[in-house]
Amino acid sequence: MVRHTAPGIGGYFRRRAILFLFLGIVLIMGAAAGGLAVQTLPVDQKAELMEYLQGFFQTHHTGQPVSTESVVRQSLLDNIGKTVAVMWVLGLSIIGVPLIVALLFVRGFVIGFSVG
């Protein structure tokens, strides 16, 4: 019996829905852990972190006002590009699969910590 699968990108995601659900849950768990980690910081560390962030948003490394375009470009190329490249290389072997899940949890943690 020949099994018919849905063609295209939609079919790809439907066939792997359980995997994407699991990875989404891992990301959400990381974000929740990051949000809770912010709440457990002592008051002096929270104040120091806020000072650092305010200084970053006011001036970039050169002392000039921060350009939104440069921040977005740097974020896309450095952070997302490197993460996708690392996940792709790790995905080439079975050994890298747990590391991909750990990396996804860490990314969720960073998102939750930033939002918190």
PDB file of N, CA and C in Angstrom:
ATOM      1  N   MET A   1       0.837  -1.164   0.000  1.00  0.00           N
ATOM      2  CA  MET A   1       0.000   0.000   0.000  1.00  0.00           C
ATOM      3  C   MET A   1       0.890   1.238   0.000  1.00  0.00           C
ATOM      4  N   VAL A   2       0.598   2.188  -0.841  1.00  0.00           N
ATOM      5  CA  VAL A   2       1.377   3.411  -0.959  1.00  0.00           C
ATOM      6  C   VAL A   2       0.758   4.463  -0.047  1.00  0.00           C
ATOM      7  N   ARG A   3       1.607   5.061   0.751  1.00  0.00           N
ATOM      8  CA  ARG A   3       1.143   6.093   1.680  1.00  0.00           C
ATOM      9  C   ARG A   3       1.307   7.450   1.014  1.00  0.00           C
ATOM     10  N   HIS A   4       0.236   8.198   0.944  1.00  0.00           N
ATOM     11  CA  HIS A   4       0.295   9.529   0.347  1.00  0.00           C
ATOM     12  C   HIS A   4       0.572  10.545   1.440  1.00  0.00           C
ATOM     13  N   THR A   5       1.587  11.357   1.210  1.00  0.00           N
ATOM     14  CA  THR A   5       1.922  12.407   2.161  1.00  0.00           C
ATOM     15  C   THR A   5       1.661  13.752   1.519  1.00  0.00           C
ATOM     16  N   ALA A   6       1.365  14.707   2.347  1.00  0.00           N
ATOM     17  CA  ALA A   6       1.085  16.050   1.841  1.00  0.00           C
ATOM     18  C   ALA A   6       2.376  16.669   1.328  1.00  0.00           C
ATOM     19  N   PRO A   7       2.336  17.226   0.126  1.00  0.00           N
ATOM     20  CA  PRO A   7       3.557  17.813  -0.429  1.00  0.00           C
ATOM     21  C   PRO A   7       3.824  19.195   0.161  1.00  0.00           C
ATOM     22  N   GLY A   8       5.042  19.630   0.009  1.00  0.00           N
ATOM     23  CA  GLY A   8       5.399  20.987   0.379  1.00  0.00           C
ATOM     24  C   GLY A   8       5.736  21.157   1.847  1.00  0.00           C
ATOM     25  N   ILE A   9       5.833  22.414   2.213  1.00  0.00           N
ATOM     26  CA  ILE A   9       6.234  22.767   3.570  1.00  0.00           C
ATOM     27  C   ILE A   9       5.161  22.381   4.582  1.00  0.00           C
ATOM     28  N   GLY A  10       3.892  22.560   4.216  1.00  0.00           N
ATOM     29  CA  GLY A  10       2.808  22.191   5.131  1.00  0.00           C
ATOM     30  C   GLY A  10       2.854  20.725   5.496  1.00  0.00           C
ATOM     31  N   GLY A  11       3.132  19.879   4.524  1.00  0.00           N
ATOM     32  CA  GLY A  11       3.234  18.452   4.787  1.00  0.00           C
ATOM     33  C   GLY A  11       4.415  18.116   5.679  1.00  0.00           C
ATOM     34  N   TYR A  12       5.515  18.829   5.500  1.00  0.00           N
ATOM     35  CA  TYR A  12       6.705  18.630   6.330  1.00  0.00           C
ATOM     36  C   TYR A  12       6.367  18.889   7.788  1.00  0.00           C
ATOM     37  N   PHE A  13       5.687  20.005   8.051  1.00  0.00           N
ATOM     38  CA  PHE A  13       5.351  20.351   9.425  1.00  0.00           C
ATOM     39  C   PHE A  13       4.285  19.422  10.004  1.00  0.00           C
ATOM     40  N   ARG A  14       3.337  18.981   9.187  1.00  0.00           N
ATOM     41  CA  ARG A  14       2.312  18.054   9.683  1.00  0.00           C
ATOM     42  C   ARG A  14       2.918  16.706  10.062  1.00  0.00           C
ATOM     43  N   ARG A  15       3.867  16.233   9.259  1.00  0.00           N
ATOM     44  CA  ARG A  15       4.495  14.937   9.559  1.00  0.00           C
ATOM     45  C   ARG A  15       5.332  15.002  10.837  1.00  0.00           C
ATOM     46  N   ARG A  16       5.821  16.168  11.175  1.00  0.00           N
ATOM     47  CA  ARG A  16       6.694  16.317  12.344  1.00  0.00           C
ATOM     48  C   ARG A  16       6.054  17.156  13.448  1.00  0.00           C
ATOM     49  N   ALA A  17       4.748  17.167  13.526  1.00  0.00           N
ATOM     50  CA  ALA A  17       4.024  18.011  14.479  1.00  0.00           C
ATOM     51  C   ALA A  17       4.391  17.683  15.924  1.00  0.00           C
ATOM     52  N   ILE A  18       4.541  16.418  16.254  1.00  0.00           N
ATOM     53  CA  ILE A  18       4.879  16.014  17.619  1.00  0.00           C
ATOM     54  C   ILE A  18       6.257  16.546  18.005  1.00  0.00           C
ATOM     55  N   LEU A  19       7.202  16.452  17.096  1.00  0.00           N
ATOM     56  CA  LEU A  19       8.546  16.954  17.358  1.00  0.00           C
ATOM     57  C   LEU A  19       8.532  18.462  17.596  1.00  0.00           C
ATOM     58  N   PHE A  20       7.815  19.207  16.751  1.00  0.00           N
ATOM     59  CA  PHE A  20       7.749  20.655  16.918  1.00  0.00           C
ATOM     60  C   PHE A  20       7.015  21.033  18.199  1.00  0.00           C
ATOM     61  N   LEU A  21       6.014  20.264  18.576  1.00  0.00           N
ATOM     62  CA  LEU A  21       5.309  20.506  19.832  1.00  0.00           C
ATOM     63  C   LEU A  21       6.253  20.310  21.014  1.00  0.00           C
ATOM     64  N   PHE A  22       7.015  19.229  20.995  1.00  0.00           N
ATOM     65  CA  PHE A  22       7.986  18.959  22.059  1.00  0.00           C
ATOM     66  C   PHE A  22       9.018  20.082  22.155  1.00  0.00           C
ATOM     67  N   LEU A  23       9.563  20.501  21.020  1.00  0.00           N
ATOM     68  CA  LEU A  23      10.579  21.556  21.032  1.00  0.00           C
ATOM     69  C   LEU A  23       9.980  22.891  21.462  1.00  0.00           C
ATOM     70  N   GLY A  24       8.735  23.136  21.102  1.00  0.00           N
ATOM     71  CA  GLY A  24       8.061  24.347  21.560  1.00  0.00           C
ATOM     72  C   GLY A  24       7.881  24.356  23.069  1.00  0.00           C
ATOM     73  N   ILE A  25       7.543  23.204  23.622  1.00  0.00           N
ATOM     74  CA  ILE A  25       7.392  23.087  25.075  1.00  0.00           C
ATOM     75  C   ILE A  25       8.730  23.310  25.766  1.00  0.00           C
ATOM     76  N   VAL A  26       9.824  22.794  25.195  1.00  0.00           N
ATOM     77  CA  VAL A  26      11.156  23.005  25.768  1.00  0.00           C
ATOM     78  C   VAL A  26      11.492  24.496  25.767  1.00  0.00           C
ATOM     79  N   LEU A  27      11.180  25.189  24.684  1.00  0.00           N
ATOM     80  CA  LEU A  27      11.435  26.627  24.599  1.00  0.00           C
ATOM     81  C   LEU A  27      10.614  27.385  25.643  1.00  0.00           C
ATOM     82  N   ILE A  28       9.359  27.030  25.795  1.00  0.00           N
ATOM     83  CA  ILE A  28       8.492  27.692  26.775  1.00  0.00           C
ATOM     84  C   ILE A  28       8.969  27.411  28.206  1.00  0.00           C
ATOM     85  N   MET A  29       9.427  26.184  28.452  1.00  0.00           N
ATOM     86  CA  MET A  29       9.965  25.859  29.774  1.00  0.00           C
ATOM     87  C   MET A  29      11.207  26.698  30.073  1.00  0.00           C
ATOM     88  N   GLY A  30      12.049  26.885  29.068  1.00  0.00           N
ATOM     89  CA  GLY A  30      13.231  27.730  29.249  1.00  0.00           C
ATOM     90  C   GLY A  30      12.849  29.168  29.534  1.00  0.00           C
ATOM     91  N   ALA A  31      11.847  29.675  28.823  1.00  0.00           N
ATOM     92  CA  ALA A  31      11.397  31.056  29.052  1.00  0.00           C
ATOM     93  C   ALA A  31      10.824  31.204  30.456  1.00  0.00           C
ATOM     94  N   ALA A  32      10.075  30.217  30.907  1.00  0.00           N
ATOM     95  CA  ALA A  32       9.521  30.267  32.265  1.00  0.00           C
ATOM     96  C   ALA A  32      10.640  30.233  33.298  1.00  0.00           C
ATOM     97  N   ALA A  33      11.628  29.396  33.085  1.00  0.00           N
ATOM     98  CA  ALA A  33      12.756  29.321  34.017  1.00  0.00           C
ATOM     99  C   ALA A  33      13.528  30.639  34.036  1.00  0.00           C
ATOM    100  N   GLY A  34      13.700  31.260  32.875  1.00  0.00           N
ATOM    101  CA  GLY A  34      14.384  32.551  32.818  1.00  0.00           C
ATOM    102  C   GLY A  34      13.610  33.633  33.530  1.00  0.00           C
ATOM    103  N   GLY A  35      12.303  33.643  33.368  1.00  0.00           N
ATOM    104  CA  GLY A  35      11.474  34.615  34.066  1.00  0.00           C
ATOM    105  C   GLY A  35      11.529  34.436  35.576  1.00  0.00           C
ATOM    106  N   LEU A  36      11.545  33.177  36.022  1.00  0.00           N
ATOM    107  CA  LEU A  36      11.644  32.913  37.461  1.00  0.00           C
ATOM    108  C   LEU A  36      13.030  33.262  37.991  1.00  0.00           C
ATOM    109  N   ALA A  37      14.063  33.091  37.168  1.00  0.00           N
ATOM    110  CA  ALA A  37      15.428  33.409  37.596  1.00  0.00           C
ATOM    111  C   ALA A  37      15.582  34.899  37.870  1.00  0.00           C
ATOM    112  N   VAL A  38      14.908  35.732  37.089  1.00  0.00           N
ATOM    113  CA  VAL A  38      14.977  37.179  37.318  1.00  0.00           C
ATOM    114  C   VAL A  38      14.374  37.521  38.669  1.00  0.00           C
ATOM    115  N   GLN A  39      13.288  36.841  39.021  1.00  0.00           N
ATOM    116  CA  GLN A  39      12.608  37.136  40.282  1.00  0.00           C
ATOM    117  C   GLN A  39      13.439  36.733  41.497  1.00  0.00           C
ATOM    118  N   THR A  40      14.370  35.808  41.327  1.00  0.00           N
ATOM    119  CA  THR A  40      15.177  35.349  42.451  1.00  0.00           C
ATOM    120  C   THR A  40      16.471  36.149  42.618  1.00  0.00           C
ATOM    121  N   LEU A  41      16.737  37.104  41.727  1.00  0.00           N
ATOM    122  CA  LEU A  41      17.940  37.919  41.859  1.00  0.00           C
ATOM    123  C   LEU A  41      17.834  38.831  43.076  1.00  0.00           C
ATOM    124  N   PRO A  42      18.942  39.011  43.800  1.00  0.00           N
ATOM    125  CA  PRO A  42      18.934  39.977  44.896  1.00  0.00           C
ATOM    126  C   PRO A  42      18.730  41.403  44.360  1.00  0.00           C
ATOM    127  N   VAL A  43      18.279  42.297  45.219  1.00  0.00           N
ATOM    128  CA  VAL A  43      17.950  43.662  44.818  1.00  0.00           C
ATOM    129  C   VAL A  43      19.174  44.385  44.254  1.00  0.00           C
ATOM    130  N   ASP A  44      20.339  44.207  44.849  1.00  0.00           N
ATOM    131  CA  ASP A  44      21.526  44.911  44.356  1.00  0.00           C
ATOM    132  C   ASP A  44      21.933  44.426  42.960  1.00  0.00           C
ATOM    133  N   GLN A  45      21.768  43.143  42.682  1.00  0.00           N
ATOM    134  CA  GLN A  45      22.080  42.642  41.344  1.00  0.00           C
ATOM    135  C   GLN A  45      21.074  43.143  40.319  1.00  0.00           C
ATOM    136  N   LYS A  46      19.800  43.258  40.700  1.00  0.00           N
ATOM    137  CA  LYS A  46      18.792  43.812  39.802  1.00  0.00           C
ATOM    138  C   LYS A  46      19.123  45.257  39.457  1.00  0.00           C
ATOM    139  N   ALA A  47      19.537  46.036  40.459  1.00  0.00           N
ATOM    140  CA  ALA A  47      19.886  47.441  40.223  1.00  0.00           C
ATOM    141  C   ALA A  47      21.099  47.553  39.310  1.00  0.00           C
ATOM    142  N   GLU A  48      22.091  46.706  39.523  1.00  0.00           N
ATOM    143  CA  GLU A  48      23.291  46.721  38.677  1.00  0.00           C
ATOM    144  C   GLU A  48      22.955  46.333  37.244  1.00  0.00           C
ATOM    145  N   LEU A  49      22.092  45.366  37.080  1.00  0.00           N
ATOM    146  CA  LEU A  49      21.672  44.942  35.749  1.00  0.00           C
ATOM    147  C   LEU A  49      20.908  46.058  35.036  1.00  0.00           C
ATOM    148  N   MET A  50      20.027  46.726  35.739  1.00  0.00           N
ATOM    149  CA  MET A  50      19.279  47.837  35.150  1.00  0.00           C
ATOM    150  C   MET A  50      20.213  48.974  34.741  1.00  0.00           C
ATOM    151  N   GLU A  51      21.216  49.268  35.563  1.00  0.00           N
ATOM    152  CA  GLU A  51      22.206  50.292  35.227  1.00  0.00           C
ATOM    153  C   GLU A  51      22.937  49.931  33.942  1.00  0.00           C
ATOM    154  N   TYR A  52      23.356  48.678  33.843  1.00  0.00           N
ATOM    155  CA  TYR A  52      24.076  48.222  32.655  1.00  0.00           C
ATOM    156  C   TYR A  52      23.203  48.338  31.411  1.00  0.00           C
ATOM    157  N   LEU A  53      21.959  47.907  31.518  1.00  0.00           N
ATOM    158  CA  LEU A  53      21.063  47.966  30.366  1.00  0.00           C
ATOM    159  C   LEU A  53      20.764  49.398  29.949  1.00  0.00           C
ATOM    160  N   GLN A  54      20.574  50.289  30.904  1.00  0.00           N
ATOM    161  CA  GLN A  54      20.337  51.689  30.569  1.00  0.00           C
ATOM    162  C   GLN A  54      21.553  52.281  29.872  1.00  0.00           C
ATOM    163  N   GLY A  55      22.733  51.952  30.341  1.00  0.00           N
ATOM    164  CA  GLY A  55      23.953  52.427  29.687  1.00  0.00           C
ATOM    165  C   GLY A  55      24.090  51.885  28.276  1.00  0.00           C
ATOM    166  N   PHE A  56      23.707  50.635  28.082  1.00  0.00           N
ATOM    167  CA  PHE A  56      23.786  50.045  26.746  1.00  0.00           C
ATOM    168  C   PHE A  56      22.831  50.724  25.787  1.00  0.00           C
ATOM    169  N   PHE A  57      21.601  50.974  26.235  1.00  0.00           N
ATOM    170  CA  PHE A  57      20.616  51.579  25.343  1.00  0.00           C
ATOM    171  C   PHE A  57      20.923  53.041  25.060  1.00  0.00           C
ATOM    172  N   GLN A  58      21.614  53.721  25.958  1.00  0.00           N
ATOM    173  CA  GLN A  58      21.934  55.122  25.719  1.00  0.00           C
ATOM    174  C   GLN A  58      23.102  55.284  24.756  1.00  0.00           C
ATOM    175  N   THR A  59      24.121  54.487  24.901  1.00  0.00           N
ATOM    176  CA  THR A  59      25.287  54.596  24.018  1.00  0.00           C
ATOM    177  C   THR A  59      25.738  53.209  23.604  1.00  0.00           C
ATOM    178  N   HIS A  60      26.233  53.138  22.392  1.00  0.00           N
ATOM    179  CA  HIS A  60      26.805  51.894  21.898  1.00  0.00           C
ATOM    180  C   HIS A  60      28.279  51.916  22.251  1.00  0.00           C
ATOM    181  N   HIS A  61      29.078  50.988  21.814  1.00  0.00           N
ATOM    182  CA  HIS A  61      30.486  50.889  22.175  1.00  0.00           C
ATOM    183  C   HIS A  61      31.281  52.138  21.779  1.00  0.00           C
ATOM    184  N   THR A  62      30.852  52.857  20.772  1.00  0.00           N
ATOM    185  CA  THR A  62      31.593  54.024  20.293  1.00  0.00           C
ATOM    186  C   THR A  62      31.198  55.302  21.008  1.00  0.00           C
ATOM    187  N   GLY A  63      30.203  55.271  21.844  1.00  0.00           N
ATOM    188  CA  GLY A  63      29.749  56.459  22.537  1.00  0.00           C
ATOM    189  C   GLY A  63      28.689  57.220  21.765  1.00  0.00           C
ATOM    190  N   GLN A  64      28.329  56.748  20.597  1.00  0.00           N
ATOM    191  CA  GLN A  64      27.294  57.379  19.780  1.00  0.00           C
ATOM    192  C   GLN A  64      25.939  56.793  20.147  1.00  0.00           C
ATOM    193  N   PRO A  65      24.859  57.532  19.865  1.00  0.00           N
ATOM    194  CA  PRO A  65      23.535  56.964  20.119  1.00  0.00           C
ATOM    195  C   PRO A  65      23.334  55.668  19.339  1.00  0.00           C
ATOM    196  N   VAL A  66      22.565  54.776  19.919  1.00  0.00           N
ATOM    197  CA  VAL A  66      22.345  53.466  19.329  1.00  0.00           C
ATOM    198  C   VAL A  66      21.441  53.597  18.110  1.00  0.00           C
ATOM    199  N   SER A  67      21.862  53.010  16.990  1.00  0.00           N
ATOM    200  CA  SER A  67      21.044  52.966  15.787  1.00  0.00           C
ATOM    201  C   SER A  67      20.224  51.679  15.804  1.00  0.00           C
ATOM    202  N   THR A  68      18.938  51.815  15.618  1.00  0.00           N
ATOM    203  CA  THR A  68      18.058  50.645  15.630  1.00  0.00           C
ATOM    204  C   THR A  68      18.462  49.659  14.545  1.00  0.00           C
ATOM    205  N   GLU A  69      18.811  50.165  13.386  1.00  0.00           N
ATOM    206  CA  GLU A  69      19.195  49.300  12.275  1.00  0.00           C
ATOM    207  C   GLU A  69      20.437  48.478  12.603  1.00  0.00           C
ATOM    208  N   SER A  70      21.424  49.095  13.240  1.00  0.00           N
ATOM    209  CA  SER A  70      22.648  48.359  13.562  1.00  0.00           C
ATOM    210  C   SER A  70      22.394  47.289  14.617  1.00  0.00           C
ATOM    211  N   VAL A  71      21.530  47.586  15.570  1.00  0.00           N
ATOM    212  CA  VAL A  71      21.217  46.597  16.607  1.00  0.00           C
ATOM    213  C   VAL A  71      20.491  45.402  16.000  1.00  0.00           C
ATOM    214  N   VAL A  72      19.527  45.664  15.114  1.00  0.00           N
ATOM    215  CA  VAL A  72      18.778  44.581  14.482  1.00  0.00           C
ATOM    216  C   VAL A  72      19.703  43.736  13.611  1.00  0.00           C
ATOM    217  N   ARG A  73      20.550  44.386  12.828  1.00  0.00           N
ATOM    218  CA  ARG A  73      21.476  43.656  11.953  1.00  0.00           C
ATOM    219  C   ARG A  73      22.421  42.796  12.781  1.00  0.00           C
ATOM    220  N   GLN A  74      22.987  43.371  13.841  1.00  0.00           N
ATOM    221  CA  GLN A  74      23.903  42.617  14.685  1.00  0.00           C
ATOM    222  C   GLN A  74      23.187  41.438  15.333  1.00  0.00           C
ATOM    223  N   SER A  75      21.963  41.651  15.786  1.00  0.00           N
ATOM    224  CA  SER A  75      21.196  40.589  16.421  1.00  0.00           C
ATOM    225  C   SER A  75      20.912  39.458  15.446  1.00  0.00           C
ATOM    226  N   LEU A  76      20.479  39.806  14.248  1.00  0.00           N
ATOM    227  CA  LEU A  76      20.161  38.773  13.265  1.00  0.00           C
ATOM    228  C   LEU A  76      21.390  37.984  12.841  1.00  0.00           C
ATOM    229  N   LEU A  77      22.458  38.670  12.524  1.00  0.00           N
ATOM    230  CA  LEU A  77      23.640  37.984  12.024  1.00  0.00           C
ATOM    231  C   LEU A  77      24.379  37.228  13.121  1.00  0.00           C
ATOM    232  N   ASP A  78      24.608  37.879  14.223  1.00  0.00           N
ATOM    233  CA  ASP A  78      25.418  37.247  15.266  1.00  0.00           C
ATOM    234  C   ASP A  78      24.646  36.194  16.042  1.00  0.00           C
ATOM    235  N   ASN A  79      23.525  36.570  16.592  1.00  0.00           N
ATOM    236  CA  ASN A  79      22.813  35.662  17.493  1.00  0.00           C
ATOM    237  C   ASN A  79      22.062  34.568  16.752  1.00  0.00           C
ATOM    238  N   ILE A  80      21.155  34.949  15.889  1.00  0.00           N
ATOM    239  CA  ILE A  80      20.303  33.962  15.224  1.00  0.00           C
ATOM    240  C   ILE A  80      21.106  33.144  14.215  1.00  0.00           C
ATOM    241  N   GLY A  81      21.958  33.802  13.449  1.00  0.00           N
ATOM    242  CA  GLY A  81      22.760  33.096  12.440  1.00  0.00           C
ATOM    243  C   GLY A  81      23.663  32.049  13.056  1.00  0.00           C
ATOM    244  N   LYS A  82      24.334  32.413  14.136  1.00  0.00           N
ATOM    245  CA  LYS A  82      25.230  31.463  14.793  1.00  0.00           C
ATOM    246  C   LYS A  82      24.450  30.304  15.416  1.00  0.00           C
ATOM    247  N   THR A  83      23.305  30.610  15.998  1.00  0.00           N
ATOM    248  CA  THR A  83      22.502  29.553  16.618  1.00  0.00           C
ATOM    249  C   THR A  83      22.001  28.561  15.580  1.00  0.00           C
ATOM    250  N   VAL A  84      21.511  29.060  14.458  1.00  0.00           N
ATOM    251  CA  VAL A  84      21.027  28.173  13.395  1.00  0.00           C
ATOM    252  C   VAL A  84      22.177  27.331  12.849  1.00  0.00           C
ATOM    253  N   ALA A  85      23.343  27.934  12.685  1.00  0.00           N
ATOM    254  CA  ALA A  85      24.496  27.188  12.169  1.00  0.00           C
ATOM    255  C   ALA A  85      24.914  26.082  13.140  1.00  0.00           C
ATOM    256  N   VAL A  86      24.958  26.389  14.420  1.00  0.00           N
ATOM    257  CA  VAL A  86      25.342  25.390  15.418  1.00  0.00           C
ATOM    258  C   VAL A  86      24.319  24.262  15.459  1.00  0.00           C
ATOM    259  N   MET A  87      23.026  24.617  15.413  1.00  0.00           N
ATOM    260  CA  MET A  87      21.992  23.580  15.441  1.00  0.00           C
ATOM    261  C   MET A  87      22.054  22.701  14.199  1.00  0.00           C
ATOM    262  N   TRP A  88      22.352  23.281  13.062  1.00  0.00           N
ATOM    263  CA  TRP A  88      22.451  22.495  11.830  1.00  0.00           C
ATOM    264  C   TRP A  88      23.621  21.521  11.911  1.00  0.00           C
ATOM    265  N   VAL A  89      24.773  21.994  12.389  1.00  0.00           N
ATOM    266  CA  VAL A  89      25.946  21.122  12.501  1.00  0.00           C
ATOM    267  C   VAL A  89      25.679  20.008  13.518  1.00  0.00           C
ATOM    268  N   LEU A  90      25.061  20.356  14.646  1.00  0.00           N
ATOM    269  CA  LEU A  90      24.750  19.335  15.650  1.00  0.00           C
ATOM    270  C   LEU A  90      23.724  18.338  15.128  1.00  0.00           C
ATOM    271  N   GLY A  91      22.820  18.787  14.276  1.00  0.00           N
ATOM    272  CA  GLY A  91      21.791  17.910  13.741  1.00  0.00           C
ATOM    273  C   GLY A  91      22.306  16.882  12.762  1.00  0.00           C
ATOM    274  N   LEU A  92      23.544  17.037  12.311  1.00  0.00           N
ATOM    275  CA  LEU A  92      24.125  16.071  11.383  1.00  0.00           C
ATOM    276  C   LEU A  92      24.438  14.738  12.058  1.00  0.00           C
ATOM    277  N   SER A  93      24.502  14.734  13.381  1.00  0.00           N
ATOM    278  CA  SER A  93      24.793  13.482  14.073  1.00  0.00           C
ATOM    279  C   SER A  93      23.765  13.240  15.168  1.00  0.00           C
ATOM    280  N   ILE A  94      23.631  12.002  15.552  1.00  0.00           N
ATOM    281  CA  ILE A  94      22.702  11.623  16.615  1.00  0.00           C
ATOM    282  C   ILE A  94      23.189  12.173  17.946  1.00  0.00           C
ATOM    283  N   ILE A  95      24.481  12.291  18.121  1.00  0.00           N
ATOM    284  CA  ILE A  95      25.057  12.775  19.370  1.00  0.00           C
ATOM    285  C   ILE A  95      24.625  14.211  19.646  1.00  0.00           C
ATOM    286  N   GLY A  96      24.400  14.987  18.601  1.00  0.00           N
ATOM    287  CA  GLY A  96      24.059  16.393  18.772  1.00  0.00           C
ATOM    288  C   GLY A  96      22.619  16.659  19.143  1.00  0.00           C
ATOM    289  N   VAL A  97      21.747  15.672  19.044  1.00  0.00           N
ATOM    290  CA  VAL A  97      20.312  15.889  19.296  1.00  0.00           C
ATOM    291  C   VAL A  97      20.051  16.394  20.726  1.00  0.00           C
ATOM    292  N   PRO A  98      20.618  15.775  21.772  1.00  0.00           N
ATOM    293  CA  PRO A  98      20.386  16.331  23.118  1.00  0.00           C
ATOM    294  C   PRO A  98      20.958  17.744  23.273  1.00  0.00           C
ATOM    295  N   LEU A  99      22.035  18.027  22.578  1.00  0.00           N
ATOM    296  CA  LEU A  99      22.620  19.365  22.650  1.00  0.00           C
ATOM    297  C   LEU A  99      21.718  20.398  21.989  1.00  0.00           C
ATOM    298  N   ILE A 100      21.006  20.016  20.947  1.00  0.00           N
ATOM    299  CA  ILE A 100      20.054  20.919  20.307  1.00  0.00           C
ATOM    300  C   ILE A 100      18.931  21.250  21.276  1.00  0.00           C
ATOM    301  N   VAL A 101      18.440  20.252  21.986  1.00  0.00           N
ATOM    302  CA  VAL A 101      17.364  20.478  22.958  1.00  0.00           C
ATOM    303  C   VAL A 101      17.870  21.388  24.077  1.00  0.00           C
ATOM    304  N   ALA A 102      19.104  21.161  24.544  1.00  0.00           N
ATOM    305  CA  ALA A 102      19.688  22.011  25.588  1.00  0.00           C
ATOM    306  C   ALA A 102      19.872  23.441  25.080  1.00  0.00           C
ATOM    307  N   LEU A 103      20.313  23.594  23.844  1.00  0.00           N
ATOM    308  CA  LEU A 103      20.502  24.921  23.259  1.00  0.00           C
ATOM    309  C   LEU A 103      19.167  25.645  23.139  1.00  0.00           C
ATOM    310  N   LEU A 104      18.128  24.938  22.779  1.00  0.00           N
ATOM    311  CA  LEU A 104      16.801  25.532  22.677  1.00  0.00           C
ATOM    312  C   LEU A 104      16.299  25.969  24.058  1.00  0.00           C
ATOM    313  N   PHE A 105      16.563  25.164  25.077  1.00  0.00           N
ATOM    314  CA  PHE A 105      16.189  25.546  26.435  1.00  0.00           C
ATOM    315  C   PHE A 105      16.939  26.806  26.870  1.00  0.00           C
ATOM    316  N   VAL A 106      18.228  26.870  26.566  1.00  0.00           N
ATOM    317  CA  VAL A 106      19.031  28.048  26.922  1.00  0.00           C
ATOM    318  C   VAL A 106      18.518  29.287  26.211  1.00  0.00           C
ATOM    319  N   ARG A 107      18.158  29.158  24.934  1.00  0.00           N
ATOM    320  CA  ARG A 107      17.590  30.302  24.195  1.00  0.00           C
ATOM    321  C   ARG A 107      16.288  30.755  24.843  1.00  0.00           C
ATOM    322  N   GLY A 108      15.462  29.823  25.257  1.00  0.00           N
ATOM    323  CA  GLY A 108      14.231  30.174  25.949  1.00  0.00           C
ATOM    324  C   GLY A 108      14.526  30.856  27.280  1.00  0.00           C
ATOM    325  N   PHE A 109      15.545  30.380  27.983  1.00  0.00           N
ATOM    326  CA  PHE A 109      15.942  30.979  29.247  1.00  0.00           C
ATOM    327  C   PHE A 109      16.357  32.431  29.040  1.00  0.00           C
ATOM    328  N   VAL A 110      17.142  32.665  28.008  1.00  0.00           N
ATOM    329  CA  VAL A 110      17.594  34.030  27.714  1.00  0.00           C
ATOM    330  C   VAL A 110      16.401  34.932  27.373  1.00  0.00           C
ATOM    331  N   ILE A 111      15.469  34.416  26.611  1.00  0.00           N
ATOM    332  CA  ILE A 111      14.275  35.201  26.273  1.00  0.00           C
ATOM    333  C   ILE A 111      13.475  35.514  27.541  1.00  0.00           C
ATOM    334  N   GLY A 112      13.260  34.521  28.379  1.00  0.00           N
ATOM    335  CA  GLY A 112      12.517  34.729  29.619  1.00  0.00           C
ATOM    336  C   GLY A 112      13.227  35.675  30.568  1.00  0.00           C
ATOM    337  N   PHE A 113      14.539  35.574  30.645  1.00  0.00           N
ATOM    338  CA  PHE A 113      15.315  36.464  31.519  1.00  0.00           C
ATOM    339  C   PHE A 113      15.232  37.891  31.003  1.00  0.00           C
ATOM    340  N   SER A 114      15.316  38.061  29.690  1.00  0.00           N
ATOM    341  CA  SER A 114      15.248  39.398  29.098  1.00  0.00           C
ATOM    342  C   SER A 114      13.876  40.027  29.313  1.00  0.00           C
ATOM    343  N   VAL A 115      12.834  39.256  29.113  1.00  0.00           N
ATOM    344  CA  VAL A 115      11.487  39.785  29.288  1.00  0.00           C
ATOM    345  C   VAL A 115      11.214  40.069  30.758  1.00  0.00           C
ATOM    346  N   GLY A 116      11.706  39.191  31.636  1.00  0.00           N
ATOM    347  CA  GLY A 116      11.483  39.377  33.075  1.00  0.00           C
ATOM    348  C   GLY A 116      12.182  40.593  33.585  1.00  0.00           C
TER     349      GLY A 116
END
